C-alpha atoms as a PDB file:
ATOM      1  CA  UNK A   1    -146.244-137.520 196.765  1.00  0.00           C
ATOM      2  CA  UNK A   2    -148.908-135.701 194.758  1.00  0.00           C
ATOM      3  CA  UNK A   3    -152.598-136.500 194.917  1.00  0.00           C
ATOM      4  CA  UNK A   4    -152.448-137.993 191.460  1.00  0.00           C
ATOM      5  CA  UNK A   5    -149.554-140.308 192.513  1.00  0.00           C
ATOM      6  CA  UNK A   6    -151.446-141.375 195.626  1.00  0.00           C
ATOM      7  CA  UNK A   7    -154.566-142.029 193.572  1.00  0.00           C
ATOM      8  CA  UNK A   8    -152.592-144.121 191.053  1.00  0.00           C
ATOM      9  CA  UNK A   9    -151.038-146.031 193.979  1.00  0.00           C
ATOM     10  CA  UNK A  10    -154.506-146.780 195.495  1.00  0.00           C
ATOM     11  CA  UNK A  11    -156.045-147.764 192.114  1.00  0.00           C
ATOM     12  CA  UNK A  12    -153.271-149.278 190.049  1.00  0.00           C
ATOM     13  CA  UNK A  13    -155.545-150.309 187.302  1.00  0.00           C
ATOM     14  CA  UNK A  14    -156.291-146.648 186.409  1.00  0.00           C
ATOM     15  CA  UNK A  15    -154.357-144.777 183.787  1.00  0.00           C
ATOM     16  CA  UNK A  16    -152.960-141.288 184.445  1.00  0.00           C
ATOM     17  CA  UNK A  17    -155.849-139.937 182.289  1.00  0.00           C
ATOM     18  CA  UNK A  18    -158.353-141.675 184.641  1.00  0.00           C
ATOM     19  CA  UNK A  19    -156.643-140.140 187.652  1.00  0.00           C
ATOM     20  CA  UNK A  20    -156.798-136.670 186.071  1.00  0.00           C
ATOM     21  CA  UNK A  21    -160.539-137.098 185.413  1.00  0.00           C
ATOM     22  CA  UNK A  22    -161.093-138.147 188.979  1.00  0.00           C
ATOM     23  CA  UNK A  23    -159.160-135.275 190.411  1.00  0.00           C
ATOM     24  CA  UNK A  24    -160.971-132.747 188.238  1.00  0.00           C
ATOM     25  CA  UNK A  25    -164.357-134.234 189.410  1.00  0.00           C
ATOM     26  CA  UNK A  26    -163.303-133.745 192.945  1.00  0.00           C
ATOM     27  CA  UNK A  27    -162.273-130.175 192.216  1.00  0.00           C
ATOM     28  CA  UNK A  28    -165.575-129.357 190.654  1.00  0.00           C
ATOM     29  CA  UNK A  29    -167.433-130.960 193.577  1.00  0.00           C
ATOM     30  CA  UNK A  30    -165.582-128.766 196.029  1.00  0.00           C
ATOM     31  CA  UNK A  31    -165.810-125.591 194.035  1.00  0.00           C
ATOM     32  CA  UNK A  32    -167.936-122.805 195.309  1.00  0.00           C
ATOM     33  CA  UNK A  33    -171.363-122.238 193.688  1.00  0.00           C
ATOM     34  CA  UNK A  34    -170.517-120.864 190.301  1.00  0.00           C
ATOM     35  CA  UNK A  35    -173.020-119.492 187.707  1.00  0.00           C
ATOM     36  CA  UNK A  36    -171.845-120.086 184.192  1.00  0.00           C
ATOM     37  CA  UNK A  37    -173.300-119.200 180.709  1.00  0.00           C
ATOM     38  CA  UNK A  38    -176.202-121.511 181.336  1.00  0.00           C
ATOM     39  CA  UNK A  39    -177.219-119.457 184.340  1.00  0.00           C
ATOM     40  CA  UNK A  40    -177.858-120.506 187.974  1.00  0.00           C
ATOM     41  CA  UNK A  41    -178.933-124.068 187.346  1.00  0.00           C
ATOM     42  CA  UNK A  42    -179.642-124.666 191.092  1.00  0.00           C
ATOM     43  CA  UNK A  43    -182.039-121.732 191.199  1.00  0.00           C
ATOM     44  CA  UNK A  44    -183.640-122.753 187.931  1.00  0.00           C
ATOM     45  CA  UNK A  45    -184.288-126.344 189.100  1.00  0.00           C
ATOM     46  CA  UNK A  46    -185.604-125.115 192.458  1.00  0.00           C
ATOM     47  CA  UNK A  47    -188.051-122.813 190.700  1.00  0.00           C
ATOM     48  CA  UNK A  48    -189.152-125.509 188.234  1.00  0.00           C
ATOM     49  CA  UNK A  49    -189.710-128.006 191.153  1.00  0.00           C
ATOM     50  CA  UNK A  50    -191.808-125.423 193.000  1.00  0.00           C
ATOM     51  CA  UNK A  51    -193.933-124.759 189.843  1.00  0.00           C
ATOM     52  CA  UNK A  52    -194.456-128.453 189.346  1.00  0.00           C
ATOM     53  CA  UNK A  53    -195.520-129.043 192.963  1.00  0.00           C
ATOM     54  CA  UNK A  54    -197.805-125.987 192.940  1.00  0.00           C
ATOM     55  CA  UNK A  55    -199.432-127.232 189.649  1.00  0.00           C
ATOM     56  CA  UNK A  56    -199.886-130.671 191.151  1.00  0.00           C
ATOM     57  CA  UNK A  57    -201.529-129.337 194.258  1.00  0.00           C
ATOM     58  CA  UNK A  58    -203.831-127.244 192.148  1.00  0.00           C
ATOM     59  CA  UNK A  59    -204.811-130.175 190.013  1.00  0.00           C
ATOM     60  CA  UNK A  60    -205.358-132.367 192.987  1.00  0.00           C
ATOM     61  CA  UNK A  61    -207.553-129.698 194.624  1.00  0.00           C
ATOM     62  CA  UNK A  62    -209.771-129.460 191.546  1.00  0.00           C
ATOM     63  CA  UNK A  63    -210.001-133.282 191.320  1.00  0.00           C
ATOM     64  CA  UNK A  64    -211.185-133.406 194.943  1.00  0.00           C
ATOM     65  CA  UNK A  65    -208.181-135.042 196.330  1.00  0.00           C
ATOM     66  CA  UNK A  66    -207.786-134.048 199.942  1.00  0.00           C
ATOM     67  CA  UNK A  67    -204.438-132.374 200.867  1.00  0.00           C
ATOM     68  CA  UNK A  68    -201.688-134.558 202.299  1.00  0.00           C
ATOM     69  CA  UNK A  69    -201.915-134.565 206.118  1.00  0.00           C
ATOM     70  CA  UNK A  70    -198.451-134.763 207.589  1.00  0.00           C
ATOM     71  CA  UNK A  71    -197.596-135.823 211.032  1.00  0.00           C
ATOM     72  CA  UNK A  72    -195.809-133.105 212.937  1.00  0.00           C
ATOM     73  CA  UNK A  73    -192.112-133.615 213.214  1.00  0.00           C
ATOM     74  CA  UNK A  74    -190.781-134.249 216.667  1.00  0.00           C
END
């Protein structure tokens, strides 16, 4: 029995097209990190998040907001 057949057996209300979409989503999820024509989106979002946090910390510093004091992790 193929994965598609098993999926259709488990979810009988799905069409074959629905099962194909689900299987492709699983394949994409399991695929290795791939950079496409858009570039490395993981690296871009990490860099953007770092810039946002750095800018926020700078603005808070100039506004006189004390830095966040975190409890040490145990």
